[in-house]
Amino acid sequence: MAEISFDDFLKVDVRVGRVVRAEPFPEARKPAIKMWIDFGPEIGEKKTSAQVTVHYSPEGLVGQQVMAVVNFPARQIGPFMSEVLVLGFPDADGAIVLAAPSLDVPVGGRLH
């Protein structure tokens, strides 16, 4: 893996948000959930989809804090426009577990 500079790292804007709405995304090629995430007054509410159906349900995601890259360009996922990239790690079987702060923090906070 290539090294990057600290300035390169600073270009990636990772923020914490709270899922305010989530619903199934049956039109996706792989099972996914659509999420609307509140990133606070500076960024506002953004939407995304994620292949997280193994460990999460739409109902269970609402109210959870998640981490996301908020400065990638929007990307069309089937009929849905994804505006941010939520972050996660694969479990032992490859299913995604969402990255989140271990304690509740103010939405919109930037990763340090």
C-alpha atoms as a PDB file:
ATOM      1  CA  MET A   1       0.000   0.000   0.000  1.00  0.00           C
ATOM      2  CA  ALA A   2       1.351   3.414  -0.949  1.00  0.00           C
ATOM      3  CA  GLU A   3       2.054   5.958   1.764  1.00  0.00           C
ATOM      4  CA  ILE A   4       0.128   9.211   1.735  1.00  0.00           C
ATOM      5  CA  SER A   5       0.997  12.535   3.281  1.00  0.00           C
ATOM      6  CA  PHE A   6      -0.873  14.115   6.180  1.00  0.00           C
ATOM      7  CA  ASP A   7      -2.146  16.704   3.686  1.00  0.00           C
ATOM      8  CA  ASP A   8      -3.638  13.851   1.635  1.00  0.00           C
ATOM      9  CA  PHE A   9      -5.415  12.562   4.761  1.00  0.00           C
ATOM     10  CA  LEU A  10      -6.831  16.024   5.469  1.00  0.00           C
ATOM     11  CA  LYS A  11      -8.499  16.038   2.034  1.00  0.00           C
ATOM     12  CA  VAL A  12     -10.805  13.193   3.119  1.00  0.00           C
ATOM     13  CA  ASP A  13     -13.641  14.746   5.144  1.00  0.00           C
ATOM     14  CA  VAL A  14     -14.948  12.060   7.514  1.00  0.00           C
ATOM     15  CA  ARG A  15     -17.842  13.198   9.702  1.00  0.00           C
ATOM     16  CA  VAL A  16     -20.203  11.649  12.204  1.00  0.00           C
ATOM     17  CA  GLY A  17     -23.921  11.752  11.524  1.00  0.00           C
ATOM     18  CA  ARG A  18     -27.115  10.275  12.906  1.00  0.00           C
ATOM     19  CA  VAL A  19     -29.391   8.090  10.788  1.00  0.00           C
ATOM     20  CA  VAL A  20     -32.788   9.816  10.742  1.00  0.00           C
ATOM     21  CA  ARG A  21     -34.514   7.577   8.188  1.00  0.00           C
ATOM     22  CA  ALA A  22     -33.771   4.184   6.640  1.00  0.00           C
ATOM     23  CA  GLU A  23     -35.611   1.900   4.270  1.00  0.00           C
ATOM     24  CA  PRO A  24     -34.972  -1.226   2.211  1.00  0.00           C
ATOM     25  CA  PHE A  25     -33.433  -0.773  -1.235  1.00  0.00           C
ATOM     26  CA  PRO A  26     -34.922  -3.663  -3.243  1.00  0.00           C
ATOM     27  CA  GLU A  27     -33.800  -2.171  -6.586  1.00  0.00           C
ATOM     28  CA  ALA A  28     -30.105  -2.537  -5.675  1.00  0.00           C
ATOM     29  CA  ARG A  29     -28.135  -5.353  -7.326  1.00  0.00           C
ATOM     30  CA  LYS A  30     -27.010  -6.609  -3.907  1.00  0.00           C
ATOM     31  CA  PRO A  31     -29.160  -6.341  -0.754  1.00  0.00           C
ATOM     32  CA  ALA A  32     -28.831  -2.806   0.606  1.00  0.00           C
ATOM     33  CA  ILE A  33     -30.456  -0.216   2.834  1.00  0.00           C
ATOM     34  CA  LYS A  34     -31.086   3.433   1.928  1.00  0.00           C
ATOM     35  CA  MET A  35     -30.239   5.873   4.723  1.00  0.00           C
ATOM     36  CA  TRP A  36     -30.796   9.563   5.331  1.00  0.00           C
ATOM     37  CA  ILE A  37     -28.158  10.892   7.730  1.00  0.00           C
ATOM     38  CA  ASP A  38     -28.144  14.193   9.640  1.00  0.00           C
ATOM     39  CA  PHE A  39     -24.654  15.734   9.721  1.00  0.00           C
ATOM     40  CA  GLY A  40     -25.701  18.885  11.577  1.00  0.00           C
ATOM     41  CA  PRO A  41     -26.263  22.465  10.408  1.00  0.00           C
ATOM     42  CA  GLU A  42     -23.006  22.860   8.447  1.00  0.00           C
ATOM     43  CA  ILE A  43     -23.566  19.880   6.114  1.00  0.00           C
ATOM     44  CA  GLY A  44     -27.241  19.043   6.617  1.00  0.00           C
ATOM     45  CA  GLU A  45     -28.998  15.810   5.769  1.00  0.00           C
ATOM     46  CA  LYS A  46     -27.416  13.544   3.145  1.00  0.00           C
ATOM     47  CA  LYS A  47     -28.538  10.215   1.730  1.00  0.00           C
ATOM     48  CA  THR A  48     -26.662   7.036   0.923  1.00  0.00           C
ATOM     49  CA  SER A  49     -27.128   3.330   0.404  1.00  0.00           C
ATOM     50  CA  ALA A  50     -25.071   0.590   1.979  1.00  0.00           C
ATOM     51  CA  GLN A  51     -24.848  -3.182   1.739  1.00  0.00           C
ATOM     52  CA  VAL A  52     -25.297  -3.724   5.472  1.00  0.00           C
ATOM     53  CA  THR A  53     -28.357  -5.990   5.556  1.00  0.00           C
ATOM     54  CA  VAL A  54     -26.598  -8.880   7.334  1.00  0.00           C
ATOM     55  CA  HIS A  55     -26.165  -6.991  10.622  1.00  0.00           C
ATOM     56  CA  TYR A  56     -28.694  -4.157  10.322  1.00  0.00           C
ATOM     57  CA  SER A  57     -32.362  -3.539   9.598  1.00  0.00           C
ATOM     58  CA  PRO A  58     -33.772  -0.198   8.491  1.00  0.00           C
ATOM     59  CA  GLU A  59     -35.648   0.146  11.790  1.00  0.00           C
ATOM     60  CA  GLY A  60     -32.537  -0.652  13.826  1.00  0.00           C
ATOM     61  CA  LEU A  61     -30.404   1.932  12.017  1.00  0.00           C
ATOM     62  CA  VAL A  62     -32.617   4.924  12.826  1.00  0.00           C
ATOM     63  CA  GLY A  63     -31.028   6.872  15.666  1.00  0.00           C
ATOM     64  CA  GLN A  64     -27.582   5.291  15.281  1.00  0.00           C
ATOM     65  CA  GLN A  65     -24.483   7.374  14.747  1.00  0.00           C
ATOM     66  CA  VAL A  66     -22.338   6.454  11.745  1.00  0.00           C
ATOM     67  CA  MET A  67     -19.154   7.763  10.149  1.00  0.00           C
ATOM     68  CA  ALA A  68     -19.075   8.797   6.496  1.00  0.00           C
ATOM     69  CA  VAL A  69     -16.934  10.506   3.895  1.00  0.00           C
ATOM     70  CA  VAL A  70     -18.920  13.624   3.020  1.00  0.00           C
ATOM     71  CA  ASN A  71     -16.757  15.166   0.278  1.00  0.00           C
ATOM     72  CA  PHE A  72     -16.871  12.512  -2.450  1.00  0.00           C
ATOM     73  CA  PRO A  73     -18.962  13.379  -5.515  1.00  0.00           C
ATOM     74  CA  ALA A  74     -22.523  12.022  -5.498  1.00  0.00           C
ATOM     75  CA  ARG A  75     -22.884   8.635  -7.173  1.00  0.00           C
ATOM     76  CA  GLN A  76     -25.896   7.111  -8.902  1.00  0.00           C
ATOM     77  CA  ILE A  77     -26.779   3.684  -7.452  1.00  0.00           C
ATOM     78  CA  GLY A  78     -29.585   2.367  -9.644  1.00  0.00           C
ATOM     79  CA  PRO A  79     -32.508   4.792  -9.216  1.00  0.00           C
ATOM     80  CA  PHE A  80     -30.969   6.338  -6.063  1.00  0.00           C
ATOM     81  CA  MET A  81     -28.386   9.137  -5.761  1.00  0.00           C
ATOM     82  CA  SER A  82     -25.872   8.396  -2.992  1.00  0.00           C
ATOM     83  CA  GLU A  83     -24.360  11.587  -1.555  1.00  0.00           C
ATOM     84  CA  VAL A  84     -21.959  10.225   1.091  1.00  0.00           C
ATOM     85  CA  LEU A  85     -19.987   7.021   1.705  1.00  0.00           C
ATOM     86  CA  VAL A  86     -20.695   5.376   5.050  1.00  0.00           C
ATOM     87  CA  LEU A  87     -17.697   3.557   6.486  1.00  0.00           C
ATOM     88  CA  GLY A  88     -17.460   0.050   7.854  1.00  0.00           C
ATOM     89  CA  PHE A  89     -15.303  -3.001   8.307  1.00  0.00           C
ATOM     90  CA  PRO A  90     -15.874  -6.597   7.185  1.00  0.00           C
ATOM     91  CA  ASP A  91     -16.598  -9.173   9.869  1.00  0.00           C
ATOM     92  CA  ALA A  92     -15.057 -12.668   9.693  1.00  0.00           C
ATOM     93  CA  ASP A  93     -17.544 -13.618   6.950  1.00  0.00           C
ATOM     94  CA  GLY A  94     -17.149 -10.396   4.953  1.00  0.00           C
ATOM     95  CA  ALA A  95     -20.414  -8.744   6.057  1.00  0.00           C
ATOM     96  CA  ILE A  96     -20.048  -5.030   6.782  1.00  0.00           C
ATOM     97  CA  VAL A  97     -20.120  -3.640  10.328  1.00  0.00           C
ATOM     98  CA  LEU A  98     -20.582   0.129  10.338  1.00  0.00           C
ATOM     99  CA  ALA A  99     -17.911   2.381  11.844  1.00  0.00           C
ATOM    100  CA  ALA A 100     -19.235   4.594  14.627  1.00  0.00           C
ATOM    101  CA  PRO A 101     -17.898   6.483  17.655  1.00  0.00           C
ATOM    102  CA  SER A 102     -17.892   4.437  20.863  1.00  0.00           C
ATOM    103  CA  LEU A 103     -19.668   7.293  22.687  1.00  0.00           C
ATOM    104  CA  ASP A 104     -22.385   9.641  21.490  1.00  0.00           C
ATOM    105  CA  VAL A 105     -20.811  12.784  19.994  1.00  0.00           C
ATOM    106  CA  PRO A 106     -22.294  15.911  18.364  1.00  0.00           C
ATOM    107  CA  VAL A 107     -23.335  15.278  14.762  1.00  0.00           C
ATOM    108  CA  GLY A 108     -21.137  16.916  12.157  1.00  0.00           C
ATOM    109  CA  GLY A 109     -17.920  16.323  14.110  1.00  0.00           C
ATOM    110  CA  ARG A 110     -14.907  15.698  11.897  1.00  0.00           C
ATOM    111  CA  LEU A 111     -12.581  12.731  12.328  1.00  0.00           C
ATOM    112  CA  HIS A 112      -9.185  13.680  13.803  1.00  0.00           C
END
